[in-house]
N, C-alpha and C. Protein backbone atom coordinates (compact mmCIF):
# COMPACT_ATOMS: atom_id res chain seq x y z
N MET A 1 11.37 -10.56 -1.83
CA MET A 1 10.70 -9.71 -2.80
C MET A 1 11.66 -8.57 -3.19
N GLN A 2 11.67 -8.25 -4.44
CA GLN A 2 12.53 -7.20 -4.96
C GLN A 2 12.08 -5.83 -4.44
N PRO A 3 13.03 -4.91 -4.26
CA PRO A 3 12.67 -3.57 -3.75
C PRO A 3 11.62 -2.86 -4.60
N LEU A 4 11.72 -2.98 -5.93
CA LEU A 4 10.73 -2.33 -6.78
C LEU A 4 9.34 -2.94 -6.57
N HIS A 5 9.27 -4.24 -6.42
CA HIS A 5 7.99 -4.91 -6.15
C HIS A 5 7.41 -4.41 -4.84
N GLN A 6 8.26 -4.29 -3.82
CA GLN A 6 7.81 -3.80 -2.52
C GLN A 6 7.23 -2.39 -2.64
N MET A 7 7.92 -1.55 -3.39
CA MET A 7 7.49 -0.17 -3.56
C MET A 7 6.12 -0.10 -4.26
N ILE A 8 5.95 -0.89 -5.31
CA ILE A 8 4.69 -0.90 -6.05
C ILE A 8 3.56 -1.43 -5.17
N ASN A 9 3.80 -2.54 -4.50
CA ASN A 9 2.77 -3.11 -3.63
C ASN A 9 2.40 -2.16 -2.50
N ARG A 10 3.39 -1.51 -1.92
CA ARG A 10 3.13 -0.56 -0.83
C ARG A 10 2.29 0.62 -1.35
N ARG A 11 2.59 1.07 -2.55
CA ARG A 11 1.84 2.19 -3.13
C ARG A 11 0.37 1.82 -3.30
N VAL A 12 0.11 0.62 -3.79
CA VAL A 12 -1.27 0.16 -3.96
C VAL A 12 -1.94 0.04 -2.59
N GLN A 13 -1.22 -0.52 -1.64
CA GLN A 13 -1.79 -0.77 -0.32
C GLN A 13 -2.10 0.52 0.43
N THR A 14 -1.41 1.60 0.10
CA THR A 14 -1.59 2.85 0.84
C THR A 14 -2.33 3.92 0.03
N ILE A 15 -3.03 3.51 -1.01
CA ILE A 15 -3.80 4.48 -1.79
C ILE A 15 -4.80 5.18 -0.87
N THR A 16 -4.96 6.45 -1.07
CA THR A 16 -5.91 7.20 -0.24
C THR A 16 -7.31 7.12 -0.85
N LYS A 17 -8.26 7.48 -0.04
CA LYS A 17 -9.65 7.49 -0.50
C LYS A 17 -9.81 8.46 -1.67
N ALA A 18 -9.19 9.63 -1.55
CA ALA A 18 -9.29 10.64 -2.62
C ALA A 18 -8.68 10.10 -3.92
N GLU A 19 -7.55 9.42 -3.82
CA GLU A 19 -6.90 8.85 -5.00
C GLU A 19 -7.77 7.75 -5.62
N LEU A 20 -8.36 6.93 -4.77
CA LEU A 20 -9.24 5.86 -5.26
C LEU A 20 -10.45 6.44 -5.97
N MET A 21 -11.04 7.47 -5.38
CA MET A 21 -12.20 8.11 -6.00
C MET A 21 -11.81 8.75 -7.33
N GLU A 22 -10.63 9.36 -7.40
CA GLU A 22 -10.16 9.97 -8.64
C GLU A 22 -9.94 8.91 -9.72
N GLN A 23 -9.34 7.79 -9.36
CA GLN A 23 -9.14 6.72 -10.33
C GLN A 23 -10.48 6.16 -10.83
N ALA A 24 -11.44 6.07 -9.93
CA ALA A 24 -12.78 5.60 -10.32
C ALA A 24 -13.39 6.56 -11.34
N ARG A 25 -13.27 7.85 -11.08
CA ARG A 25 -13.78 8.85 -12.04
C ARG A 25 -13.05 8.72 -13.37
N LYS A 26 -11.74 8.59 -13.30
CA LYS A 26 -10.92 8.49 -14.52
C LYS A 26 -11.33 7.30 -15.38
N PHE A 27 -11.67 6.19 -14.74
CA PHE A 27 -12.07 4.99 -15.48
C PHE A 27 -13.58 4.84 -15.57
N GLN A 28 -14.31 5.91 -15.25
CA GLN A 28 -15.76 5.96 -15.34
C GLN A 28 -16.44 4.82 -14.60
N VAL A 29 -16.01 4.65 -13.35
CA VAL A 29 -16.56 3.61 -12.48
C VAL A 29 -17.35 4.28 -11.37
N SER A 30 -18.55 3.80 -11.17
CA SER A 30 -19.37 4.32 -10.08
C SER A 30 -18.84 3.78 -8.76
N LEU A 31 -18.45 4.69 -7.88
CA LEU A 31 -17.90 4.31 -6.59
C LEU A 31 -18.42 5.30 -5.56
N ASN A 32 -19.09 4.78 -4.54
CA ASN A 32 -19.58 5.69 -3.51
C ASN A 32 -18.60 5.74 -2.33
N GLU A 33 -18.85 6.67 -1.44
CA GLU A 33 -17.95 6.90 -0.30
C GLU A 33 -17.83 5.65 0.58
N LYS A 34 -18.94 4.98 0.83
CA LYS A 34 -18.94 3.78 1.69
C LYS A 34 -18.09 2.67 1.06
N GLN A 35 -18.26 2.45 -0.24
CA GLN A 35 -17.46 1.43 -0.92
C GLN A 35 -15.97 1.78 -0.86
N ALA A 36 -15.65 3.02 -1.10
CA ALA A 36 -14.25 3.46 -1.04
C ALA A 36 -13.68 3.22 0.35
N ASP A 37 -14.43 3.59 1.38
CA ASP A 37 -13.98 3.38 2.76
C ASP A 37 -13.75 1.90 3.05
N GLN A 38 -14.68 1.05 2.61
CA GLN A 38 -14.56 -0.39 2.85
C GLN A 38 -13.35 -0.97 2.13
N PHE A 39 -13.12 -0.54 0.89
CA PHE A 39 -12.00 -1.07 0.13
C PHE A 39 -10.67 -0.59 0.72
N ILE A 40 -10.60 0.67 1.11
CA ILE A 40 -9.39 1.20 1.75
C ILE A 40 -9.11 0.44 3.05
N ASP A 41 -10.16 0.17 3.80
CA ASP A 41 -10.02 -0.60 5.04
C ASP A 41 -9.50 -2.01 4.75
N TRP A 42 -10.04 -2.64 3.72
CA TRP A 42 -9.58 -3.99 3.36
C TRP A 42 -8.09 -3.94 2.99
N LEU A 43 -7.70 -2.97 2.19
CA LEU A 43 -6.30 -2.85 1.80
C LEU A 43 -5.39 -2.68 3.01
N ALA A 44 -5.84 -1.93 3.99
CA ALA A 44 -5.04 -1.68 5.19
C ALA A 44 -4.84 -2.94 6.04
N ARG A 45 -5.78 -3.87 5.93
CA ARG A 45 -5.73 -5.07 6.77
C ARG A 45 -5.19 -6.31 6.06
N HIS A 46 -4.88 -6.21 4.78
CA HIS A 46 -4.41 -7.38 4.02
C HIS A 46 -3.11 -7.07 3.29
N GLU A 47 -2.33 -8.10 3.10
CA GLU A 47 -1.10 -7.96 2.34
C GLU A 47 -1.43 -7.88 0.85
N VAL A 48 -0.90 -6.87 0.20
CA VAL A 48 -1.09 -6.71 -1.24
C VAL A 48 0.20 -7.14 -1.92
N ASP A 49 0.07 -8.02 -2.90
CA ASP A 49 1.22 -8.43 -3.70
C ASP A 49 0.74 -8.66 -5.13
N LEU A 50 0.88 -7.64 -5.93
CA LEU A 50 0.43 -7.72 -7.32
C LEU A 50 1.24 -8.72 -8.13
N PHE A 51 2.37 -9.13 -7.62
CA PHE A 51 3.25 -10.05 -8.34
C PHE A 51 2.97 -11.50 -8.00
N SER A 52 2.05 -11.73 -7.10
CA SER A 52 1.63 -13.07 -6.71
C SER A 52 0.23 -13.33 -7.26
N GLU A 53 0.09 -14.37 -8.04
CA GLU A 53 -1.23 -14.69 -8.62
C GLU A 53 -2.26 -14.91 -7.52
N THR A 54 -1.88 -15.57 -6.45
CA THR A 54 -2.80 -15.85 -5.34
C THR A 54 -3.26 -14.56 -4.68
N LYS A 55 -2.32 -13.69 -4.36
CA LYS A 55 -2.66 -12.43 -3.70
C LYS A 55 -3.43 -11.49 -4.62
N ARG A 56 -3.09 -11.51 -5.90
CA ARG A 56 -3.80 -10.69 -6.88
C ARG A 56 -5.25 -11.16 -6.99
N THR A 57 -5.46 -12.46 -7.01
CA THR A 57 -6.81 -13.02 -7.06
C THR A 57 -7.58 -12.63 -5.81
N GLU A 58 -6.93 -12.69 -4.66
CA GLU A 58 -7.56 -12.28 -3.40
C GLU A 58 -7.99 -10.81 -3.46
N LEU A 59 -7.14 -9.97 -4.03
CA LEU A 59 -7.45 -8.55 -4.18
C LEU A 59 -8.67 -8.36 -5.08
N PHE A 60 -8.69 -9.04 -6.22
CA PHE A 60 -9.81 -8.89 -7.15
C PHE A 60 -11.10 -9.44 -6.57
N GLN A 61 -11.02 -10.53 -5.80
CA GLN A 61 -12.22 -11.07 -5.16
C GLN A 61 -12.77 -10.11 -4.12
N ALA A 62 -11.87 -9.49 -3.35
CA ALA A 62 -12.32 -8.50 -2.36
C ALA A 62 -12.94 -7.31 -3.08
N ALA A 63 -12.33 -6.88 -4.17
CA ALA A 63 -12.88 -5.76 -4.93
C ALA A 63 -14.28 -6.09 -5.44
N GLU A 64 -14.46 -7.30 -5.94
CA GLU A 64 -15.78 -7.69 -6.44
C GLU A 64 -16.81 -7.73 -5.31
N ARG A 65 -16.41 -8.25 -4.16
CA ARG A 65 -17.32 -8.35 -3.02
C ARG A 65 -17.70 -6.96 -2.49
N ILE A 66 -16.72 -6.07 -2.40
CA ILE A 66 -16.95 -4.75 -1.81
C ILE A 66 -17.50 -3.75 -2.82
N LEU A 67 -16.93 -3.75 -4.01
CA LEU A 67 -17.26 -2.73 -5.00
C LEU A 67 -18.29 -3.16 -6.02
N GLY A 68 -18.33 -4.45 -6.31
CA GLY A 68 -19.23 -4.97 -7.33
C GLY A 68 -18.45 -5.54 -8.51
N LYS A 69 -19.12 -6.35 -9.29
CA LYS A 69 -18.48 -7.06 -10.41
C LYS A 69 -17.91 -6.10 -11.46
N ARG A 70 -18.69 -5.12 -11.86
CA ARG A 70 -18.25 -4.16 -12.88
C ARG A 70 -17.04 -3.37 -12.41
N GLU A 71 -17.07 -2.97 -11.14
CA GLU A 71 -16.00 -2.18 -10.58
C GLU A 71 -14.71 -3.01 -10.43
N ALA A 72 -14.85 -4.27 -10.05
CA ALA A 72 -13.69 -5.15 -9.95
C ALA A 72 -13.05 -5.35 -11.32
N ALA A 73 -13.88 -5.45 -12.35
CA ALA A 73 -13.37 -5.57 -13.72
C ALA A 73 -12.60 -4.30 -14.10
N ALA A 74 -13.08 -3.16 -13.62
CA ALA A 74 -12.39 -1.90 -13.90
C ALA A 74 -11.02 -1.87 -13.22
N LEU A 75 -10.93 -2.45 -12.03
CA LEU A 75 -9.65 -2.52 -11.33
C LEU A 75 -8.64 -3.32 -12.17
N GLU A 76 -9.09 -4.42 -12.70
CA GLU A 76 -8.21 -5.20 -13.58
C GLU A 76 -7.82 -4.38 -14.80
N LYS A 77 -8.77 -3.62 -15.34
CA LYS A 77 -8.49 -2.78 -16.50
C LYS A 77 -7.44 -1.72 -16.16
N MET A 78 -7.51 -1.18 -14.94
CA MET A 78 -6.53 -0.17 -14.51
C MET A 78 -5.11 -0.75 -14.49
N LEU A 79 -5.00 -2.03 -14.17
CA LEU A 79 -3.69 -2.66 -14.09
C LEU A 79 -3.19 -3.17 -15.44
N ARG A 80 -4.09 -3.27 -16.40
CA ARG A 80 -3.74 -3.84 -17.71
C ARG A 80 -2.51 -3.17 -18.37
N PRO A 81 -2.35 -1.84 -18.31
CA PRO A 81 -1.17 -1.24 -18.94
C PRO A 81 0.15 -1.71 -18.33
N TYR A 82 0.08 -2.25 -17.13
CA TYR A 82 1.29 -2.68 -16.44
C TYR A 82 1.48 -4.20 -16.47
N MET A 83 0.62 -4.89 -17.21
CA MET A 83 0.64 -6.35 -17.21
C MET A 83 1.99 -6.92 -17.61
N HIS A 84 2.61 -6.34 -18.62
CA HIS A 84 3.90 -6.86 -19.03
C HIS A 84 4.93 -6.71 -17.93
N PHE A 85 4.83 -5.63 -17.17
CA PHE A 85 5.76 -5.38 -16.07
C PHE A 85 5.50 -6.33 -14.91
N LEU A 86 4.21 -6.56 -14.61
CA LEU A 86 3.83 -7.43 -13.51
C LEU A 86 3.89 -8.90 -13.89
N LYS A 87 4.09 -9.15 -15.18
CA LYS A 87 4.10 -10.52 -15.71
C LYS A 87 2.77 -11.22 -15.42
N LEU A 88 1.69 -10.49 -15.68
CA LEU A 88 0.35 -11.04 -15.44
C LEU A 88 -0.08 -11.87 -16.64
């Protein structure tokens, strides 16, 4: 994996609860403390690789299960500006 890919994946994997809550507010997504804790916990226990279709799908499925369908769609929307970079 390229160093830049590692850096981006690590950044996503180590997002803090406060940062996640702020991003949810920014994208007008309802996110409660319990959901944020569960998602942060999932991120800490799983490998994140936004450049792998399989791992990206796993991330979105976990988001849908933990956060809900609307919120998982918002996560995809958050990544949309970077799609050309991620080659999504």
